[in-house]
Amino acid sequence: MNPWSIYLVLALGPSECFIVLRPKADDSDVGTEALLVRWRENEGFSASYIDRGIVAAAVLPASRKVISCTALGRVFALDDQASQQARIDTSENGPGRHGFIMGMRAVQRSIFAFGMGRQVYRLDAGDAWTRADQGLLDTSTSVDVTTGTLALDGQDADNLLAAGFNGELWRYRSGAWNSLDSPTNLSLHSVCALSTDEYVVCGQAGTFLHLTGDAIGVVPQPDLTGDLQQVGSFRDSLFLATDTGIFRCADRKALDAWQPACAEADQYVGFSSDASSIWLYGSDRIVCSADANTWKRLDLQPLWTLIS
């Protein structure tokens, strides 16, 4: 039996993707061995890198460089020319103090890494990470309240929205982070920027928020139950990963008419998209589409053979 499970897929167009695999038997973010694999349509699968504790990855669109990150801030950069290891922050004020890195997000030409204590780091050109959390970072030593950035997105690096535990929402504009009055105290898992002034956010217990300008609305989701894990856009539709599968909403005004994204939508747990493709993935399956209507199943048997 195959011991690996698909943890994450990164879209690089309809003919290329990266896949992060982790052992099925180990759900520890820190110690879990993880394997980063590239797939190209004309070349098949190639194992690129193995590390412990990969929790997030993102692609720099301009260079197509893939950046993976462990919970403790060790990063690995990979492109066609070279690979390089580094650390986000080697100071005493890094992830070792504030807690785990929880996610990464590409925004235009930058990649943001974020996590516990509301820490946020930014990578632009080159290999140097800089702090991007002045006014956002939780510098308290209280153990009574858990704070953390679980999601971040923006149309550009000067207009961002961050979300996290306890319903926290933070807006970055005019060079400064400011806290927003949130209508919920539930954890928020994912942010999708629709413009510099419009966002959708999803989270625990069916929480779905729509931000337009300075207004924050709660959008009831009567047809969706459980936690909402991920929200994103592709073409003119929104996609939502839930505890019961992947759903699609073609009406970005109403935001409440969700349909299964594809056949066997209940077998998929996450998705990744870029300008020309969207990929859905489950623990043992991947499909890809260039239009979100016609889906192509990726044959994973060569992958399982390669890493066995």
C-alpha atoms as a PDB file:
ATOM      1  CA  MET A   1       0.000   0.000   0.000  1.00  0.00           C
ATOM      2  CA  ASN A   2       1.281   3.490  -0.871  1.00  0.00           C
ATOM      3  CA  PRO A   3       2.435   5.189   2.396  1.00  0.00           C
ATOM      4  CA  TRP A   4       2.344   8.753   1.011  1.00  0.00           C
ATOM      5  CA  SER A   5      -0.484  11.283   0.952  1.00  0.00           C
ATOM      6  CA  ILE A   6      -0.819  14.421  -1.171  1.00  0.00           C
ATOM      7  CA  TYR A   7      -0.532  17.406   1.152  1.00  0.00           C
ATOM      8  CA  LEU A   8      -0.351  20.312  -1.292  1.00  0.00           C
ATOM      9  CA  VAL A   9      -0.292  21.052  -5.026  1.00  0.00           C
ATOM     10  CA  LEU A  10       1.094  24.198  -6.673  1.00  0.00           C
ATOM     11  CA  ALA A  11      -0.199  25.189 -10.124  1.00  0.00           C
ATOM     12  CA  LEU A  12       2.274  26.271 -12.804  1.00  0.00           C
ATOM     13  CA  GLY A  13      -0.065  26.214 -15.781  1.00  0.00           C
ATOM     14  CA  PRO A  14      -1.967  23.258 -17.248  1.00  0.00           C
ATOM     15  CA  SER A  15       1.179  21.270 -18.070  1.00  0.00           C
ATOM     16  CA  GLU A  16       3.220  21.618 -14.878  1.00  0.00           C
ATOM     17  CA  CYS A  17       2.762  21.455 -11.123  1.00  0.00           C
ATOM     18  CA  PHE A  18       4.620  20.800  -7.893  1.00  0.00           C
ATOM     19  CA  ILE A  19       3.328  18.305  -5.347  1.00  0.00           C
ATOM     20  CA  VAL A  20       4.152  18.119  -1.639  1.00  0.00           C
ATOM     21  CA  LEU A  21       3.787  14.587  -0.234  1.00  0.00           C
ATOM     22  CA  ARG A  22       3.755  13.579   3.424  1.00  0.00           C
ATOM     23  CA  PRO A  23       3.478  10.143   5.079  1.00  0.00           C
ATOM     24  CA  LYS A  24      -0.086   9.098   5.836  1.00  0.00           C
ATOM     25  CA  ALA A  25       0.820   7.816   9.273  1.00  0.00           C
ATOM     26  CA  ASP A  26       2.372  11.033  10.632  1.00  0.00           C
ATOM     27  CA  ASP A  27       0.445  14.296  11.041  1.00  0.00           C
ATOM     28  CA  SER A  28       3.142  16.203  12.957  1.00  0.00           C
ATOM     29  CA  ASP A  29       3.961  19.521  11.289  1.00  0.00           C
ATOM     30  CA  VAL A  30       7.455  19.685  12.789  1.00  0.00           C
ATOM     31  CA  GLY A  31       8.892  16.210  12.326  1.00  0.00           C
ATOM     32  CA  THR A  32       7.067  14.862   9.318  1.00  0.00           C
ATOM     33  CA  GLU A  33       9.246  13.917   6.389  1.00  0.00           C
ATOM     34  CA  ALA A  34       7.985  15.609   3.238  1.00  0.00           C
ATOM     35  CA  LEU A  35       8.814  15.109  -0.415  1.00  0.00           C
ATOM     36  CA  LEU A  36       8.604  17.834  -3.073  1.00  0.00           C
ATOM     37  CA  VAL A  37       7.915  16.445  -6.557  1.00  0.00           C
ATOM     38  CA  ARG A  38       7.713  18.188  -9.917  1.00  0.00           C
ATOM     39  CA  TRP A  39       5.390  17.000 -12.715  1.00  0.00           C
ATOM     40  CA  ARG A  40       5.711  18.151 -16.322  1.00  0.00           C
ATOM     41  CA  GLU A  41       3.468  16.887 -19.078  1.00  0.00           C
ATOM     42  CA  ASN A  42       6.298  15.898 -21.420  1.00  0.00           C
ATOM     43  CA  GLU A  43       8.698  14.711 -18.718  1.00  0.00           C
ATOM     44  CA  GLY A  44       6.581  13.054 -16.052  1.00  0.00           C
ATOM     45  CA  PHE A  45       7.473  13.085 -12.355  1.00  0.00           C
ATOM     46  CA  SER A  46      10.816  13.952 -10.788  1.00  0.00           C
ATOM     47  CA  ALA A  47      11.572  13.984  -7.071  1.00  0.00           C
ATOM     48  CA  SER A  48      13.139  17.369  -6.351  1.00  0.00           C
ATOM     49  CA  TYR A  49      13.686  17.685  -2.633  1.00  0.00           C
ATOM     50  CA  ILE A  50      13.089  15.972   0.675  1.00  0.00           C
ATOM     51  CA  ASP A  51      12.809  17.785   4.010  1.00  0.00           C
ATOM     52  CA  ARG A  52      11.178  17.502   7.402  1.00  0.00           C
ATOM     53  CA  GLY A  53       8.216  19.614   8.388  1.00  0.00           C
ATOM     54  CA  ILE A  54       7.174  21.327   5.137  1.00  0.00           C
ATOM     55  CA  VAL A  55       3.951  23.142   5.985  1.00  0.00           C
ATOM     56  CA  ALA A  56       3.616  25.586   3.086  1.00  0.00           C
ATOM     57  CA  ALA A  57       4.870  26.411  -0.391  1.00  0.00           C
ATOM     58  CA  ALA A  58       4.304  29.079  -3.026  1.00  0.00           C
ATOM     59  CA  VAL A  59       5.433  30.009  -6.524  1.00  0.00           C
ATOM     60  CA  LEU A  60       6.949  33.327  -7.590  1.00  0.00           C
ATOM     61  CA  PRO A  61       5.032  33.873 -10.871  1.00  0.00           C
ATOM     62  CA  ALA A  62       7.681  35.962 -12.612  1.00  0.00           C
ATOM     63  CA  SER A  63      10.544  33.498 -12.101  1.00  0.00           C
ATOM     64  CA  ARG A  64       8.454  30.323 -11.552  1.00  0.00           C
ATOM     65  CA  LYS A  65      10.690  29.677  -8.548  1.00  0.00           C
ATOM     66  CA  VAL A  66       9.119  27.375  -5.947  1.00  0.00           C
ATOM     67  CA  ILE A  67       9.645  28.264  -2.283  1.00  0.00           C
ATOM     68  CA  SER A  68       8.812  25.716   0.420  1.00  0.00           C
ATOM     69  CA  CYS A  69       8.878  26.419   4.140  1.00  0.00           C
ATOM     70  CA  THR A  70       8.986  24.365   7.330  1.00  0.00           C
ATOM     71  CA  ALA A  71       7.139  25.253  10.514  1.00  0.00           C
ATOM     72  CA  LEU A  72      10.369  26.560  12.037  1.00  0.00           C
ATOM     73  CA  GLY A  73      11.192  28.807   9.093  1.00  0.00           C
ATOM     74  CA  ARG A  74      13.634  26.772   7.029  1.00  0.00           C
ATOM     75  CA  VAL A  75      13.035  27.559   3.355  1.00  0.00           C
ATOM     76  CA  PHE A  76      14.053  25.819   0.165  1.00  0.00           C
ATOM     77  CA  ALA A  77      14.064  27.622  -3.184  1.00  0.00           C
ATOM     78  CA  LEU A  78      13.992  25.623  -6.408  1.00  0.00           C
ATOM     79  CA  ASP A  79      14.004  26.577 -10.084  1.00  0.00           C
ATOM     80  CA  ASP A  80      15.422  25.100 -13.287  1.00  0.00           C
ATOM     81  CA  GLN A  81      18.895  26.494 -12.650  1.00  0.00           C
ATOM     82  CA  ALA A  82      19.615  25.836  -8.988  1.00  0.00           C
ATOM     83  CA  SER A  83      18.322  25.093  -5.516  1.00  0.00           C
ATOM     84  CA  GLN A  84      19.114  26.840  -2.278  1.00  0.00           C
ATOM     85  CA  GLN A  85      18.377  26.424   1.430  1.00  0.00           C
ATOM     86  CA  ALA A  86      18.083  29.294   3.890  1.00  0.00           C
ATOM     87  CA  ARG A  87      16.219  30.444   6.984  1.00  0.00           C
ATOM     88  CA  ILE A  88      13.574  33.134   7.095  1.00  0.00           C
ATOM     89  CA  ASP A  89      14.920  34.628  10.310  1.00  0.00           C
ATOM     90  CA  THR A  90      17.994  33.536  12.255  1.00  0.00           C
ATOM     91  CA  SER A  91      17.570  36.147  14.984  1.00  0.00           C
ATOM     92  CA  GLU A  92      16.179  35.516  18.463  1.00  0.00           C
ATOM     93  CA  ASN A  93      12.975  37.285  17.382  1.00  0.00           C
ATOM     94  CA  GLY A  94      12.035  34.772  14.688  1.00  0.00           C
ATOM     95  CA  PRO A  95       9.762  31.711  14.547  1.00  0.00           C
ATOM     96  CA  GLY A  96      11.698  30.131  17.401  1.00  0.00           C
ATOM     97  CA  ARG A  97      10.246  32.795  19.696  1.00  0.00           C
ATOM     98  CA  HIS A  98       6.840  33.567  18.224  1.00  0.00           C
ATOM     99  CA  GLY A  99       5.843  30.092  17.040  1.00  0.00           C
ATOM    100  CA  PHE A 100       5.368  28.129  13.858  1.00  0.00           C
ATOM    101  CA  ILE A 101       5.095  29.445  10.330  1.00  0.00           C
ATOM    102  CA  MET A 102       1.576  28.470   9.191  1.00  0.00           C
ATOM    103  CA  GLY A 103       1.395  29.438   5.522  1.00  0.00           C
ATOM    104  CA  MET A 104       2.785  31.204   2.462  1.00  0.00           C
ATOM    105  CA  ARG A 105       1.217  33.318  -0.258  1.00  0.00           C
ATOM    106  CA  ALA A 106       2.489  34.771  -3.525  1.00  0.00           C
ATOM    107  CA  VAL A 107       1.318  38.341  -4.142  1.00  0.00           C
ATOM    108  CA  GLN A 108       2.485  39.754  -7.463  1.00  0.00           C
ATOM    109  CA  ARG A 109       6.309  39.604  -7.363  1.00  0.00           C
ATOM    110  CA  SER A 110       6.550  38.867  -3.631  1.00  0.00           C
ATOM    111  CA  ILE A 111       6.041  35.866  -1.364  1.00  0.00           C
ATOM    112  CA  PHE A 112       4.729  36.303   2.165  1.00  0.00           C
ATOM    113  CA  ALA A 113       5.276  33.766   4.951  1.00  0.00           C
ATOM    114  CA  PHE A 114       3.105  34.099   8.052  1.00  0.00           C
ATOM    115  CA  GLY A 115       2.240  32.339  11.270  1.00  0.00           C
ATOM    116  CA  MET A 116       1.859  32.367  15.018  1.00  0.00           C
ATOM    117  CA  GLY A 117       2.033  35.621  16.923  1.00  0.00           C
ATOM    118  CA  ARG A 118       0.877  37.378  13.723  1.00  0.00           C
ATOM    119  CA  GLN A 119       4.406  37.226  12.332  1.00  0.00           C
ATOM    120  CA  VAL A 120       4.718  38.056   8.617  1.00  0.00           C
ATOM    121  CA  TYR A 121       7.823  37.953   6.426  1.00  0.00           C
ATOM    122  CA  ARG A 122       8.289  39.120   2.847  1.00  0.00           C
ATOM    123  CA  LEU A 123      10.563  37.885   0.071  1.00  0.00           C
ATOM    124  CA  ASP A 124      11.086  40.057  -2.995  1.00  0.00           C
ATOM    125  CA  ALA A 125      13.949  39.808  -5.481  1.00  0.00           C
ATOM    126  CA  GLY A 126      16.967  37.871  -4.258  1.00  0.00           C
ATOM    127  CA  ASP A 127      17.037  35.605  -1.234  1.00  0.00           C
ATOM    128  CA  ALA A 128      16.659  37.985   1.723  1.00  0.00           C
ATOM    129  CA  TRP A 129      13.485  37.828   3.813  1.00  0.00           C
ATOM    130  CA  THR A 130      12.382  41.002   5.584  1.00  0.00           C
ATOM    131  CA  ARG A 131       9.847  41.517   8.358  1.00  0.00           C
ATOM    132  CA  ALA A 132       6.481  42.832   7.189  1.00  0.00           C
ATOM    133  CA  ASP A 133       4.607  42.812  10.505  1.00  0.00           C
ATOM    134  CA  GLN A 134       5.332  46.158  12.154  1.00  0.00           C
ATOM    135  CA  GLY A 135       2.147  47.029  14.025  1.00  0.00           C
ATOM    136  CA  LEU A 136       0.801  43.524  13.459  1.00  0.00           C
ATOM    137  CA  LEU A 137       3.214  41.285  15.395  1.00  0.00           C
ATOM    138  CA  ASP A 138       1.988  40.216  18.834  1.00  0.00           C
ATOM    139  CA  THR A 139       4.864  41.104  21.157  1.00  0.00           C
ATOM    140  CA  SER A 140       3.038  40.185  24.367  1.00  0.00           C
ATOM    141  CA  THR A 141       4.052  37.230  26.495  1.00  0.00           C
ATOM    142  CA  SER A 142       0.505  36.253  27.440  1.00  0.00           C
ATOM    143  CA  VAL A 143      -0.308  32.551  27.281  1.00  0.00           C
ATOM    144  CA  ASP A 144      -4.041  33.127  27.743  1.00  0.00           C
ATOM    145  CA  VAL A 145      -4.784  34.290  24.192  1.00  0.00           C
ATOM    146  CA  THR A 146      -3.572  32.560  21.026  1.00  0.00           C
ATOM    147  CA  THR A 147      -2.801  34.908  18.166  1.00  0.00           C
ATOM    148  CA  GLY A 148      -1.646  34.050  14.708  1.00  0.00           C
ATOM    149  CA  THR A 149      -1.940  34.885  11.031  1.00  0.00           C
ATOM    150  CA  LEU A 150      -3.502  31.889   9.272  1.00  0.00           C
ATOM    151  CA  ALA A 151      -4.166  33.518   5.888  1.00  0.00           C
ATOM    152  CA  LEU A 152      -3.080  36.516   3.847  1.00  0.00           C
ATOM    153  CA  ASP A 153      -3.744  37.808   0.347  1.00  0.00           C
ATOM    154  CA  GLY A 154      -3.767  40.956  -1.747  1.00  0.00           C
ATOM    155  CA  GLN A 155      -3.913  42.257  -5.291  1.00  0.00           C
ATOM    156  CA  ASP A 156      -0.530  43.848  -4.694  1.00  0.00           C
ATOM    157  CA  ALA A 157       1.989  44.031  -1.874  1.00  0.00           C
ATOM    158  CA  ASP A 158       0.729  47.454  -0.748  1.00  0.00           C
ATOM    159  CA  ASN A 159      -2.866  46.311  -0.211  1.00  0.00           C
ATOM    160  CA  LEU A 160      -3.215  43.199   1.957  1.00  0.00           C
ATOM    161  CA  LEU A 161      -5.683  41.495   4.256  1.00  0.00           C
ATOM    162  CA  ALA A 162      -4.578  39.102   7.004  1.00  0.00           C
ATOM    163  CA  ALA A 163      -6.868  36.820   8.995  1.00  0.00           C
ATOM    164  CA  GLY A 164      -6.405  34.374  11.829  1.00  0.00           C
ATOM    165  CA  PHE A 165      -7.449  33.085  15.215  1.00  0.00           C
ATOM    166  CA  ASN A 166     -10.402  34.546  17.112  1.00  0.00           C
ATOM    167  CA  GLY A 167     -11.803  36.094  13.936  1.00  0.00           C
ATOM    168  CA  GLU A 168      -8.988  38.618  13.731  1.00  0.00           C
ATOM    169  CA  LEU A 169      -8.802  40.730  10.569  1.00  0.00           C
ATOM    170  CA  TRP A 170      -5.968  43.122   9.773  1.00  0.00           C
ATOM    171  CA  ARG A 171      -5.746  45.444   6.774  1.00  0.00           C
ATOM    172  CA  TYR A 172      -2.487  46.714   5.275  1.00  0.00           C
ATOM    173  CA  ARG A 173      -2.847  50.039   3.448  1.00  0.00           C
ATOM    174  CA  SER A 174      -0.704  53.158   3.119  1.00  0.00           C
ATOM    175  CA  GLY A 175       2.253  51.332   4.645  1.00  0.00           C
ATOM    176  CA  ALA A 176       0.555  50.361   7.924  1.00  0.00           C
ATOM    177  CA  TRP A 177      -1.378  47.460   9.471  1.00  0.00           C
ATOM    178  CA  ASN A 178      -4.690  48.272  11.173  1.00  0.00           C
ATOM    179  CA  SER A 179      -7.070  45.983  13.036  1.00  0.00           C
ATOM    180  CA  LEU A 180     -10.634  45.699  11.705  1.00  0.00           C
ATOM    181  CA  ASP A 181     -13.806  45.128  13.711  1.00  0.00           C
ATOM    182  CA  SER A 182     -14.588  41.501  12.948  1.00  0.00           C
ATOM    183  CA  PRO A 183     -18.140  40.117  13.061  1.00  0.00           C
ATOM    184  CA  THR A 184     -16.900  36.738  14.344  1.00  0.00           C
ATOM    185  CA  ASN A 185     -14.594  35.261  16.963  1.00  0.00           C
ATOM    186  CA  LEU A 186     -14.127  31.995  15.067  1.00  0.00           C
ATOM    187  CA  SER A 187     -10.848  31.126  13.381  1.00  0.00           C
ATOM    188  CA  LEU A 188     -10.512  32.348   9.805  1.00  0.00           C
ATOM    189  CA  HIS A 189      -8.645  29.987   7.489  1.00  0.00           C
ATOM    190  CA  SER A 190      -8.358  31.623   4.071  1.00  0.00           C
ATOM    191  CA  VAL A 191      -8.418  35.004   2.316  1.00  0.00           C
ATOM    192  CA  CYS A 192      -8.959  35.770  -1.373  1.00  0.00           C
ATOM    193  CA  ALA A 193      -8.410  39.271  -2.780  1.00  0.00           C
ATOM    194  CA  LEU A 194     -10.854  40.094  -5.584  1.00  0.00           C
ATOM    195  CA  SER A 195      -9.493  43.630  -5.988  1.00  0.00           C
ATOM    196  CA  THR A 196      -7.487  46.102  -3.921  1.00  0.00           C
ATOM    197  CA  ASP A 197     -10.684  46.929  -2.059  1.00  0.00           C
ATOM    198  CA  GLU A 198     -12.666  43.670  -2.068  1.00  0.00           C
ATOM    199  CA  TYR A 199     -11.973  40.379  -0.281  1.00  0.00           C
ATOM    200  CA  VAL A 200     -13.709  37.159   0.696  1.00  0.00           C
ATOM    201  CA  VAL A 201     -12.716  35.225   3.813  1.00  0.00           C
ATOM    202  CA  CYS A 202     -13.762  31.794   5.078  1.00  0.00           C
ATOM    203  CA  GLY A 203     -13.301  29.884   8.310  1.00  0.00           C
ATOM    204  CA  GLN A 204     -14.748  27.712  11.036  1.00  0.00           C
ATOM    205  CA  ALA A 205     -18.354  26.536  11.179  1.00  0.00           C
ATOM    206  CA  GLY A 206     -19.336  27.848   7.746  1.00  0.00           C
ATOM    207  CA  THR A 207     -18.051  31.388   8.393  1.00  0.00           C
ATOM    208  CA  PHE A 208     -17.930  33.362   5.142  1.00  0.00           C
ATOM    209  CA  LEU A 209     -17.182  37.090   5.085  1.00  0.00           C
ATOM    210  CA  HIS A 210     -17.302  39.635   2.256  1.00  0.00           C
ATOM    211  CA  LEU A 211     -15.286  42.833   2.642  1.00  0.00           C
ATOM    212  CA  THR A 212     -15.943  45.774   0.334  1.00  0.00           C
ATOM    213  CA  GLY A 213     -14.161  48.994   1.179  1.00  0.00           C
ATOM    214  CA  ASP A 214     -14.520  49.396   4.942  1.00  0.00           C
ATOM    215  CA  ALA A 215     -17.703  47.310   5.154  1.00  0.00           C
ATOM    216  CA  ILE A 216     -17.626  43.693   6.354  1.00  0.00           C
ATOM    217  CA  GLY A 217     -20.647  41.496   5.668  1.00  0.00           C
ATOM    218  CA  VAL A 218     -21.451  37.979   6.825  1.00  0.00           C
ATOM    219  CA  VAL A 219     -22.730  35.807   3.972  1.00  0.00           C
ATOM    220  CA  PRO A 220     -24.844  32.868   5.242  1.00  0.00           C
ATOM    221  CA  GLN A 221     -24.027  29.520   3.608  1.00  0.00           C
ATOM    222  CA  PRO A 222     -27.100  27.342   4.278  1.00  0.00           C
ATOM    223  CA  ASP A 223     -26.005  24.640   1.824  1.00  0.00           C
ATOM    224  CA  LEU A 224     -22.502  24.234   3.239  1.00  0.00           C
ATOM    225  CA  THR A 225     -21.807  22.677   6.612  1.00  0.00           C
ATOM    226  CA  GLY A 226     -18.661  22.235   8.652  1.00  0.00           C
ATOM    227  CA  ASP A 227     -15.470  24.218   8.392  1.00  0.00           C
ATOM    228  CA  LEU A 228     -14.535  26.153   5.259  1.00  0.00           C
ATOM    229  CA  GLN A 229     -10.818  25.624   4.688  1.00  0.00           C
ATOM    230  CA  GLN A 230      -9.879  27.569   1.555  1.00  0.00           C
ATOM    231  CA  VAL A 231     -11.348  30.156  -0.795  1.00  0.00           C
ATOM    232  CA  GLY A 232      -9.866  31.315  -4.097  1.00  0.00           C
ATOM    233  CA  SER A 233     -10.754  32.601  -7.534  1.00  0.00           C
ATOM    234  CA  PHE A 234     -10.225  31.335 -11.066  1.00  0.00           C
ATOM    235  CA  ARG A 235     -11.585  33.079 -14.137  1.00  0.00           C
ATOM    236  CA  ASP A 236     -14.966  34.480 -13.076  1.00  0.00           C
ATOM    237  CA  SER A 237     -15.735  31.921 -10.375  1.00  0.00           C
ATOM    238  CA  LEU A 238     -14.908  31.420  -6.727  1.00  0.00           C
ATOM    239  CA  PHE A 239     -13.835  28.032  -5.393  1.00  0.00           C
ATOM    240  CA  LEU A 240     -14.270  26.830  -1.836  1.00  0.00           C
ATOM    241  CA  ALA A 241     -12.629  23.864  -0.135  1.00  0.00           C
ATOM    242  CA  THR A 242     -14.744  22.470   2.688  1.00  0.00           C
ATOM    243  CA  ASP A 243     -14.873  19.430   4.948  1.00  0.00           C
ATOM    244  CA  THR A 244     -17.130  17.796   2.351  1.00  0.00           C
ATOM    245  CA  GLY A 245     -15.381  18.650  -0.919  1.00  0.00           C
ATOM    246  CA  ILE A 246     -14.665  21.454  -3.397  1.00  0.00           C
ATOM    247  CA  PHE A 247     -17.461  23.799  -4.470  1.00  0.00           C
ATOM    248  CA  ARG A 248     -17.773  26.490  -7.131  1.00  0.00           C
ATOM    249  CA  CYS A 249     -19.746  29.740  -7.162  1.00  0.00           C
ATOM    250  CA  ALA A 250     -20.252  31.491 -10.504  1.00  0.00           C
ATOM    251  CA  ASP A 251     -22.194  34.379  -8.936  1.00  0.00           C
ATOM    252  CA  ARG A 252     -19.636  36.614  -7.253  1.00  0.00           C
ATOM    253  CA  LYS A 253     -22.344  39.077  -6.237  1.00  0.00           C
ATOM    254  CA  ALA A 254     -24.635  36.746  -4.288  1.00  0.00           C
ATOM    255  CA  LEU A 255     -21.828  34.451  -3.062  1.00  0.00           C
ATOM    256  CA  ASP A 256     -24.305  31.850  -1.829  1.00  0.00           C
ATOM    257  CA  ALA A 257     -25.014  29.597  -4.835  1.00  0.00           C
ATOM    258  CA  TRP A 258     -22.385  26.863  -4.581  1.00  0.00           C
ATOM    259  CA  GLN A 259     -22.253  23.730  -6.733  1.00  0.00           C
ATOM    260  CA  PRO A 260     -19.794  20.801  -6.739  1.00  0.00           C
ATOM    261  CA  ALA A 261     -16.710  21.901  -8.679  1.00  0.00           C
ATOM    262  CA  CYS A 262     -16.466  18.659 -10.660  1.00  0.00           C
ATOM    263  CA  ALA A 263     -17.420  15.008 -10.648  1.00  0.00           C
ATOM    264  CA  GLU A 264     -16.335  13.339  -7.402  1.00  0.00           C
ATOM    265  CA  ALA A 265     -15.890  16.795  -5.861  1.00  0.00           C
ATOM    266  CA  ASP A 266     -16.254  15.215  -2.424  1.00  0.00           C
ATOM    267  CA  GLN A 267     -12.936  13.387  -2.940  1.00  0.00           C
ATOM    268  CA  TYR A 268     -10.889  16.610  -3.063  1.00  0.00           C
ATOM    269  CA  VAL A 269      -9.677  18.688  -0.129  1.00  0.00           C
ATOM    270  CA  GLY A 270      -7.782  21.610  -1.675  1.00  0.00           C
ATOM    271  CA  PHE A 271      -6.970  23.495  -4.858  1.00  0.00           C
ATOM    272  CA  SER A 272      -4.355  25.705  -6.484  1.00  0.00           C
ATOM    273  CA  SER A 273      -4.755  28.058  -9.415  1.00  0.00           C
ATOM    274  CA  ASP A 274      -2.797  30.468 -11.557  1.00  0.00           C
ATOM    275  CA  ALA A 275      -3.796  32.571 -14.574  1.00  0.00           C
ATOM    276  CA  SER A 276      -4.161  29.591 -16.907  1.00  0.00           C
ATOM    277  CA  SER A 277      -5.111  26.567 -14.788  1.00  0.00           C
ATOM    278  CA  ILE A 278      -6.759  25.245 -11.668  1.00  0.00           C
ATOM    279  CA  TRP A 279      -5.774  22.023  -9.910  1.00  0.00           C
ATOM    280  CA  LEU A 280      -7.856  20.088  -7.363  1.00  0.00           C
ATOM    281  CA  TYR A 281      -6.260  17.532  -5.089  1.00  0.00           C
ATOM    282  CA  GLY A 282      -7.214  14.876  -2.592  1.00  0.00           C
ATOM    283  CA  SER A 283      -5.028  12.532  -0.592  1.00  0.00           C
ATOM    284  CA  ASP A 284      -4.515  10.228  -3.586  1.00  0.00           C
ATOM    285  CA  ARG A 285      -5.830  12.063  -6.655  1.00  0.00           C
ATOM    286  CA  ILE A 286      -5.279  15.219  -8.724  1.00  0.00           C
ATOM    287  CA  VAL A 287      -7.269  16.791 -11.567  1.00  0.00           C
ATOM    288  CA  CYS A 288      -6.471  19.845 -13.677  1.00  0.00           C
ATOM    289  CA  SER A 289      -8.480  22.174 -15.908  1.00  0.00           C
ATOM    290  CA  ALA A 290      -7.755  25.161 -18.108  1.00  0.00           C
ATOM    291  CA  ASP A 291     -11.362  26.398 -17.959  1.00  0.00           C
ATOM    292  CA  ALA A 292     -12.869  24.833 -14.782  1.00  0.00           C
ATOM    293  CA  ASN A 293     -15.299  22.894 -16.965  1.00  0.00           C
ATOM    294  CA  THR A 294     -13.290  20.082 -18.551  1.00  0.00           C
ATOM    295  CA  TRP A 295     -11.085  18.212 -16.085  1.00  0.00           C
ATOM    296  CA  LYS A 296      -8.108  15.947 -16.749  1.00  0.00           C
ATOM    297  CA  ARG A 297      -7.117  13.301 -14.206  1.00  0.00           C
ATOM    298  CA  LEU A 298      -3.391  13.035 -13.521  1.00  0.00           C
ATOM    299  CA  ASP A 299      -2.133   9.449 -13.591  1.00  0.00           C
ATOM    300  CA  LEU A 300      -0.292   9.088 -10.280  1.00  0.00           C
ATOM    301  CA  GLN A 301       0.857   5.497 -10.658  1.00  0.00           C
ATOM    302  CA  PRO A 302       4.284   6.591 -12.048  1.00  0.00           C
ATOM    303  CA  LEU A 303       4.648   8.842  -9.016  1.00  0.00           C
ATOM    304  CA  TRP A 304       3.971   6.044  -6.521  1.00  0.00           C
ATOM    305  CA  THR A 305       6.440   3.851  -8.428  1.00  0.00           C
ATOM    306  CA  LEU A 306       9.100   6.574  -8.424  1.00  0.00           C
ATOM    307  CA  ILE A 307       9.036   7.122  -4.659  1.00  0.00           C
ATOM    308  CA  SER A 308       8.390   3.550  -3.524  1.00  0.00           C
END
